[in-house]
N, C-alpha and C. Protein backbone atom coordinates (compact mmCIF):
# COMPACT_ATOMS: atom_id res chain seq x y z
N MET A 1 91.14 106.88 89.62
CA MET A 1 92.48 107.33 89.96
C MET A 1 93.52 106.75 89.01
N ALA A 2 93.29 105.53 88.56
CA ALA A 2 94.24 104.92 87.62
C ALA A 2 94.31 105.74 86.34
N ARG A 3 93.16 106.18 85.82
CA ARG A 3 93.17 107.00 84.61
C ARG A 3 93.92 108.31 84.85
N ALA A 4 93.76 108.90 86.03
CA ALA A 4 94.46 110.15 86.35
C ALA A 4 95.97 109.92 86.43
N MET A 5 96.40 108.79 86.98
CA MET A 5 97.83 108.48 87.04
C MET A 5 98.40 108.33 85.63
N ILE A 6 97.69 107.60 84.78
CA ILE A 6 98.17 107.38 83.42
C ILE A 6 98.20 108.70 82.65
N ALA A 7 97.18 109.53 82.83
CA ALA A 7 97.16 110.84 82.17
C ALA A 7 98.35 111.69 82.61
N HIS A 8 98.65 111.67 83.90
CA HIS A 8 99.79 112.42 84.42
C HIS A 8 101.09 111.90 83.81
N ALA A 9 101.23 110.56 83.74
CA ALA A 9 102.43 109.96 83.16
C ALA A 9 102.59 110.39 81.70
N ALA A 10 101.50 110.37 80.95
CA ALA A 10 101.56 110.74 79.53
C ALA A 10 101.92 112.22 79.36
N GLU A 11 101.35 113.08 80.19
CA GLU A 11 101.62 114.51 80.10
C GLU A 11 103.06 114.85 80.49
N ALA A 12 103.61 114.14 81.46
CA ALA A 12 104.97 114.43 81.94
C ALA A 12 106.05 113.84 81.05
N SER A 13 105.71 112.82 80.28
CA SER A 13 106.69 112.14 79.45
C SER A 13 107.41 113.14 78.53
N PRO A 14 108.71 113.03 78.41
CA PRO A 14 109.58 111.91 78.74
C PRO A 14 110.12 111.93 80.17
N ARG A 15 109.72 112.93 80.98
CA ARG A 15 110.14 112.93 82.40
C ARG A 15 109.24 112.00 83.19
N GLU A 16 109.72 111.53 84.33
CA GLU A 16 108.89 110.73 85.22
C GLU A 16 107.89 111.64 85.92
N ALA A 17 106.66 111.17 86.00
CA ALA A 17 105.62 111.84 86.78
C ALA A 17 105.63 111.25 88.18
N CYS A 18 105.10 111.99 89.15
CA CYS A 18 105.01 111.45 90.50
C CYS A 18 103.86 112.11 91.25
N GLY A 19 103.39 111.41 92.26
CA GLY A 19 102.30 111.94 93.07
C GLY A 19 102.01 111.05 94.26
N LEU A 20 100.99 111.44 95.00
CA LEU A 20 100.62 110.75 96.23
C LEU A 20 99.14 110.41 96.21
N VAL A 21 98.79 109.35 96.92
CA VAL A 21 97.40 108.95 97.08
C VAL A 21 97.10 108.95 98.58
N VAL A 22 95.98 109.59 98.93
CA VAL A 22 95.58 109.71 100.33
C VAL A 22 94.41 108.76 100.58
N TYR A 23 94.43 108.13 101.76
CA TYR A 23 93.42 107.14 102.15
C TYR A 23 92.65 107.63 103.37
N ASP A 24 91.39 107.23 103.45
CA ASP A 24 90.57 107.59 104.61
C ASP A 24 90.85 106.62 105.76
N GLY A 25 90.16 106.81 106.86
CA GLY A 25 90.36 105.98 108.05
C GLY A 25 90.03 104.51 107.84
N ALA A 26 89.20 104.20 106.84
CA ALA A 26 88.83 102.82 106.54
C ALA A 26 89.79 102.17 105.54
N GLY A 27 90.80 102.94 105.12
CA GLY A 27 91.78 102.40 104.18
C GLY A 27 91.38 102.49 102.73
N ARG A 28 90.41 103.33 102.41
CA ARG A 28 89.97 103.52 101.02
C ARG A 28 90.68 104.73 100.43
N PRO A 29 91.14 104.62 99.18
CA PRO A 29 91.76 105.79 98.53
C PRO A 29 90.69 106.85 98.29
N VAL A 30 90.99 108.10 98.68
CA VAL A 30 90.01 109.17 98.54
C VAL A 30 90.50 110.35 97.70
N MET A 31 91.80 110.50 97.53
CA MET A 31 92.30 111.66 96.80
C MET A 31 93.66 111.34 96.19
N LEU A 32 93.81 111.77 94.94
CA LEU A 32 95.09 111.66 94.26
C LEU A 32 95.65 113.06 94.11
N TYR A 33 96.91 113.22 94.46
CA TYR A 33 97.59 114.51 94.35
C TYR A 33 98.74 114.38 93.36
N ARG A 34 98.67 115.11 92.28
CA ARG A 34 99.82 115.22 91.39
C ARG A 34 100.85 116.09 92.09
N THR A 35 102.09 115.69 92.04
CA THR A 35 103.15 116.53 92.60
C THR A 35 104.18 116.80 91.51
N THR A 36 104.97 117.81 91.73
CA THR A 36 106.02 118.16 90.79
C THR A 36 107.23 117.29 91.04
N ASN A 37 107.79 116.75 89.97
CA ASN A 37 109.03 116.01 90.05
C ASN A 37 110.16 117.03 90.02
N VAL A 38 110.86 117.19 91.13
CA VAL A 38 111.93 118.18 91.20
C VAL A 38 113.32 117.60 90.93
N HIS A 39 113.39 116.31 90.63
CA HIS A 39 114.70 115.71 90.35
C HIS A 39 115.20 116.20 89.00
N PRO A 40 116.47 116.60 88.90
CA PRO A 40 116.98 117.11 87.62
C PRO A 40 117.12 116.04 86.53
N ASP A 41 117.25 114.78 86.91
CA ASP A 41 117.39 113.69 85.95
C ASP A 41 115.99 113.28 85.48
N PRO A 42 115.72 113.28 84.18
CA PRO A 42 114.37 112.94 83.71
C PRO A 42 113.97 111.50 83.97
N ASP A 43 114.94 110.62 84.29
CA ASP A 43 114.66 109.22 84.55
C ASP A 43 114.63 108.87 86.03
N ARG A 44 114.44 109.88 86.86
CA ARG A 44 114.30 109.68 88.31
C ARG A 44 113.20 110.59 88.81
N PHE A 45 112.73 110.33 90.01
CA PHE A 45 111.71 111.22 90.56
C PHE A 45 112.03 111.59 91.99
N GLU A 46 111.59 112.78 92.34
CA GLU A 46 111.68 113.29 93.71
C GLU A 46 110.48 114.21 93.89
N LEU A 47 109.65 113.88 94.85
CA LEU A 47 108.48 114.71 95.14
C LEU A 47 108.93 116.09 95.60
N ASP A 48 108.25 117.11 95.11
CA ASP A 48 108.52 118.46 95.61
C ASP A 48 108.24 118.47 97.11
N PRO A 49 109.21 118.80 97.95
CA PRO A 49 109.01 118.72 99.40
C PRO A 49 107.92 119.66 99.93
N VAL A 50 107.77 120.82 99.32
CA VAL A 50 106.71 121.75 99.76
C VAL A 50 105.34 121.15 99.46
N GLU A 51 105.19 120.59 98.26
CA GLU A 51 103.91 119.95 97.90
C GLU A 51 103.65 118.73 98.78
N HIS A 52 104.69 117.94 99.03
CA HIS A 52 104.56 116.75 99.88
C HIS A 52 104.04 117.16 101.26
N PHE A 53 104.66 118.19 101.82
CA PHE A 53 104.24 118.67 103.14
C PHE A 53 102.79 119.16 103.09
N GLY A 54 102.41 119.84 102.02
CA GLY A 54 101.04 120.32 101.87
C GLY A 54 100.04 119.17 101.83
N VAL A 55 100.36 118.11 101.12
CA VAL A 55 99.48 116.94 101.08
C VAL A 55 99.39 116.32 102.47
N LEU A 56 100.50 116.21 103.14
CA LEU A 56 100.53 115.65 104.49
C LEU A 56 99.64 116.47 105.43
N ARG A 57 99.74 117.79 105.35
CA ARG A 57 98.94 118.67 106.19
C ARG A 57 97.44 118.53 105.87
N GLU A 58 97.09 118.55 104.59
CA GLU A 58 95.68 118.41 104.20
C GLU A 58 95.11 117.07 104.65
N ALA A 59 95.89 116.02 104.46
CA ALA A 59 95.44 114.68 104.88
C ALA A 59 95.21 114.64 106.38
N ASP A 60 96.16 115.17 107.12
CA ASP A 60 96.05 115.17 108.58
C ASP A 60 94.83 115.96 109.05
N GLU A 61 94.58 117.10 108.42
CA GLU A 61 93.43 117.93 108.80
C GLU A 61 92.11 117.23 108.51
N SER A 62 92.10 116.31 107.56
CA SER A 62 90.89 115.58 107.20
C SER A 62 90.76 114.25 107.91
N GLY A 63 91.76 113.91 108.72
CA GLY A 63 91.75 112.62 109.39
C GLY A 63 92.15 111.47 108.47
N TRP A 64 92.83 111.81 107.38
CA TRP A 64 93.28 110.82 106.42
C TRP A 64 94.77 110.62 106.57
N ARG A 65 95.33 109.79 105.68
CA ARG A 65 96.77 109.54 105.70
C ARG A 65 97.26 109.28 104.28
N ILE A 66 98.52 109.60 104.04
CA ILE A 66 99.13 109.23 102.78
C ILE A 66 99.35 107.72 102.83
N GLY A 67 98.86 107.04 101.81
CA GLY A 67 98.98 105.58 101.80
C GLY A 67 99.67 105.03 100.57
N ALA A 68 99.95 105.91 99.59
CA ALA A 68 100.60 105.43 98.37
C ALA A 68 101.34 106.56 97.68
N VAL A 69 102.35 106.17 96.96
CA VAL A 69 103.09 107.07 96.08
C VAL A 69 103.01 106.45 94.69
N TYR A 70 103.01 107.29 93.67
CA TYR A 70 103.09 106.76 92.32
C TYR A 70 104.16 107.51 91.54
N HIS A 71 104.71 106.82 90.56
CA HIS A 71 105.63 107.47 89.62
C HIS A 71 105.64 106.66 88.33
N SER A 72 106.15 107.29 87.28
CA SER A 72 106.12 106.65 85.97
C SER A 72 107.51 106.32 85.46
N HIS A 73 107.54 105.35 84.57
CA HIS A 73 108.72 104.99 83.80
C HIS A 73 108.30 105.12 82.33
N PRO A 74 108.40 106.33 81.77
CA PRO A 74 107.88 106.57 80.42
C PRO A 74 108.47 105.69 79.32
N ARG A 75 109.68 105.23 79.51
CA ARG A 75 110.33 104.40 78.49
C ARG A 75 110.62 102.99 79.00
N GLY A 76 110.02 102.62 80.11
CA GLY A 76 110.33 101.31 80.67
C GLY A 76 109.12 100.62 81.25
N PRO A 77 109.34 99.44 81.80
CA PRO A 77 108.24 98.64 82.33
C PRO A 77 107.72 99.17 83.67
N ALA A 78 106.56 98.70 84.04
CA ALA A 78 105.91 99.09 85.29
C ALA A 78 106.44 98.24 86.44
N ARG A 79 107.71 98.37 86.70
CA ARG A 79 108.32 97.70 87.85
C ARG A 79 109.40 98.60 88.42
N PRO A 80 109.64 98.49 89.71
CA PRO A 80 110.63 99.36 90.35
C PRO A 80 112.03 99.12 89.79
N SER A 81 112.75 100.21 89.62
CA SER A 81 114.15 100.13 89.20
C SER A 81 115.03 99.95 90.44
N VAL A 82 116.29 99.69 90.21
CA VAL A 82 117.26 99.59 91.30
C VAL A 82 117.27 100.91 92.08
N THR A 83 117.20 102.03 91.35
CA THR A 83 117.17 103.35 91.98
C THR A 83 115.93 103.50 92.85
N ASP A 84 114.78 103.04 92.36
CA ASP A 84 113.54 103.11 93.14
C ASP A 84 113.67 102.32 94.44
N LEU A 85 114.25 101.14 94.35
CA LEU A 85 114.40 100.28 95.53
C LEU A 85 115.32 100.90 96.57
N ALA A 86 116.29 101.67 96.12
CA ALA A 86 117.24 102.30 97.03
C ALA A 86 116.74 103.64 97.57
N ALA A 87 115.61 104.12 97.08
CA ALA A 87 115.14 105.47 97.41
C ALA A 87 114.58 105.62 98.82
N GLY A 88 114.28 104.53 99.47
CA GLY A 88 113.77 104.63 100.84
C GLY A 88 112.32 105.06 100.91
N ILE A 89 111.51 104.63 99.96
CA ILE A 89 110.07 104.92 99.99
C ILE A 89 109.48 104.28 101.23
N ASP A 90 108.57 104.98 101.87
CA ASP A 90 107.94 104.49 103.10
C ASP A 90 107.41 103.07 102.87
N PRO A 91 107.88 102.08 103.64
CA PRO A 91 107.45 100.70 103.43
C PRO A 91 105.97 100.46 103.75
N ASP A 92 105.34 101.40 104.45
CA ASP A 92 103.90 101.26 104.72
C ASP A 92 103.05 101.72 103.55
N TRP A 93 103.65 102.41 102.60
CA TRP A 93 102.92 102.89 101.44
C TRP A 93 102.90 101.85 100.33
N ILE A 94 101.85 101.87 99.55
CA ILE A 94 101.82 101.14 98.29
C ILE A 94 102.58 102.00 97.29
N SER A 95 103.37 101.38 96.45
CA SER A 95 104.08 102.08 95.38
C SER A 95 103.46 101.66 94.05
N PHE A 96 102.84 102.61 93.38
CA PHE A 96 102.29 102.36 92.06
C PHE A 96 103.34 102.79 91.03
N VAL A 97 103.68 101.89 90.13
CA VAL A 97 104.64 102.21 89.07
C VAL A 97 103.89 102.13 87.75
N ILE A 98 103.95 103.22 87.00
CA ILE A 98 103.27 103.32 85.71
C ILE A 98 104.34 103.17 84.64
N GLY A 99 104.19 102.21 83.80
CA GLY A 99 105.19 101.98 82.75
C GLY A 99 104.53 101.53 81.46
N ARG A 100 105.36 101.05 80.57
CA ARG A 100 104.88 100.62 79.26
C ARG A 100 104.96 99.10 79.13
N ASN A 101 103.96 98.53 78.46
CA ASN A 101 104.02 97.10 78.16
C ASN A 101 104.70 96.92 76.80
N ARG A 102 104.68 95.71 76.29
CA ARG A 102 105.39 95.42 75.03
C ARG A 102 104.83 96.17 73.83
N THR A 103 103.56 96.56 73.91
CA THR A 103 102.95 97.30 72.79
C THR A 103 102.94 98.80 73.06
N ALA A 104 103.69 99.24 74.06
CA ALA A 104 103.85 100.65 74.44
C ALA A 104 102.61 101.25 75.07
N ASP A 105 101.66 100.42 75.50
CA ASP A 105 100.51 100.92 76.25
C ASP A 105 100.91 101.12 77.70
N TRP A 106 100.26 102.07 78.36
CA TRP A 106 100.54 102.32 79.78
C TRP A 106 99.93 101.21 80.64
N VAL A 107 100.67 100.82 81.67
CA VAL A 107 100.24 99.80 82.63
C VAL A 107 100.62 100.30 84.02
N ILE A 108 99.78 100.01 85.00
CA ILE A 108 100.11 100.34 86.40
C ILE A 108 100.20 99.04 87.19
N ARG A 109 101.27 98.92 87.94
CA ARG A 109 101.44 97.78 88.85
C ARG A 109 101.71 98.32 90.25
N ALA A 110 101.25 97.56 91.23
CA ALA A 110 101.39 97.97 92.63
C ALA A 110 102.41 97.09 93.33
N TYR A 111 103.18 97.73 94.23
CA TYR A 111 104.23 97.03 94.98
C TYR A 111 104.28 97.54 96.41
N ARG A 112 104.81 96.71 97.28
CA ARG A 112 105.30 97.13 98.59
C ARG A 112 106.81 97.09 98.47
N MET A 113 107.46 98.15 98.87
CA MET A 113 108.91 98.18 98.78
C MET A 113 109.50 98.35 100.17
N ALA A 114 110.37 97.41 100.51
CA ALA A 114 111.03 97.45 101.82
C ALA A 114 112.33 96.68 101.75
N ASP A 115 113.31 97.16 102.46
CA ASP A 115 114.60 96.46 102.56
C ASP A 115 115.21 96.16 101.20
N GLY A 116 115.05 97.09 100.25
CA GLY A 116 115.64 96.92 98.94
C GLY A 116 114.94 95.90 98.04
N ARG A 117 113.76 95.49 98.44
CA ARG A 117 113.00 94.51 97.65
C ARG A 117 111.63 95.09 97.29
N ALA A 118 111.09 94.60 96.19
CA ALA A 118 109.73 94.97 95.77
C ALA A 118 108.86 93.72 95.81
N ILE A 119 107.78 93.82 96.56
CA ILE A 119 106.83 92.72 96.65
C ILE A 119 105.63 93.09 95.77
N PRO A 120 105.42 92.34 94.67
CA PRO A 120 104.32 92.68 93.76
C PRO A 120 102.96 92.49 94.43
N LEU A 121 102.08 93.45 94.23
CA LEU A 121 100.71 93.36 94.72
C LEU A 121 99.73 93.14 93.59
N GLY A 122 100.20 93.30 92.35
CA GLY A 122 99.37 93.01 91.19
C GLY A 122 99.25 94.16 90.22
N LYS A 123 98.63 93.84 89.10
CA LYS A 123 98.36 94.82 88.05
C LYS A 123 97.14 95.61 88.45
N VAL A 124 97.20 96.92 88.31
CA VAL A 124 96.10 97.79 88.69
C VAL A 124 95.27 98.17 87.47
N ALA A 125 95.93 98.58 86.41
CA ALA A 125 95.21 99.04 85.22
C ALA A 125 96.11 99.01 84.01
N SER A 126 95.47 99.04 82.86
CA SER A 126 96.20 99.19 81.59
C SER A 126 95.30 99.89 80.60
């Protein structure tokens, strides 16, 4: 799934990519869904609401749940921006942020975001 997130980020660049990760009843990630970024600003993201609802419906029908959201920062680091912190992302979800390191390679970091703060969960991939 990490490779799929990075591929999506690279394909969407210079716009932010975004998507959802669905988890099974045991808490294991089982499906990654690319979604369309409908935000008009290329440096922000907003999940397409129709696609979001479709993922929610499919997950529910399978007995799964949405457990994570991901988005990219094509020209920045893999950490939440002030805008991301203010976006009201579900605090029960993991937030994967795909960004660039100092050598411009893609990196994914995981966070819990709640109350305007980001709690790092660690580096996922590079």
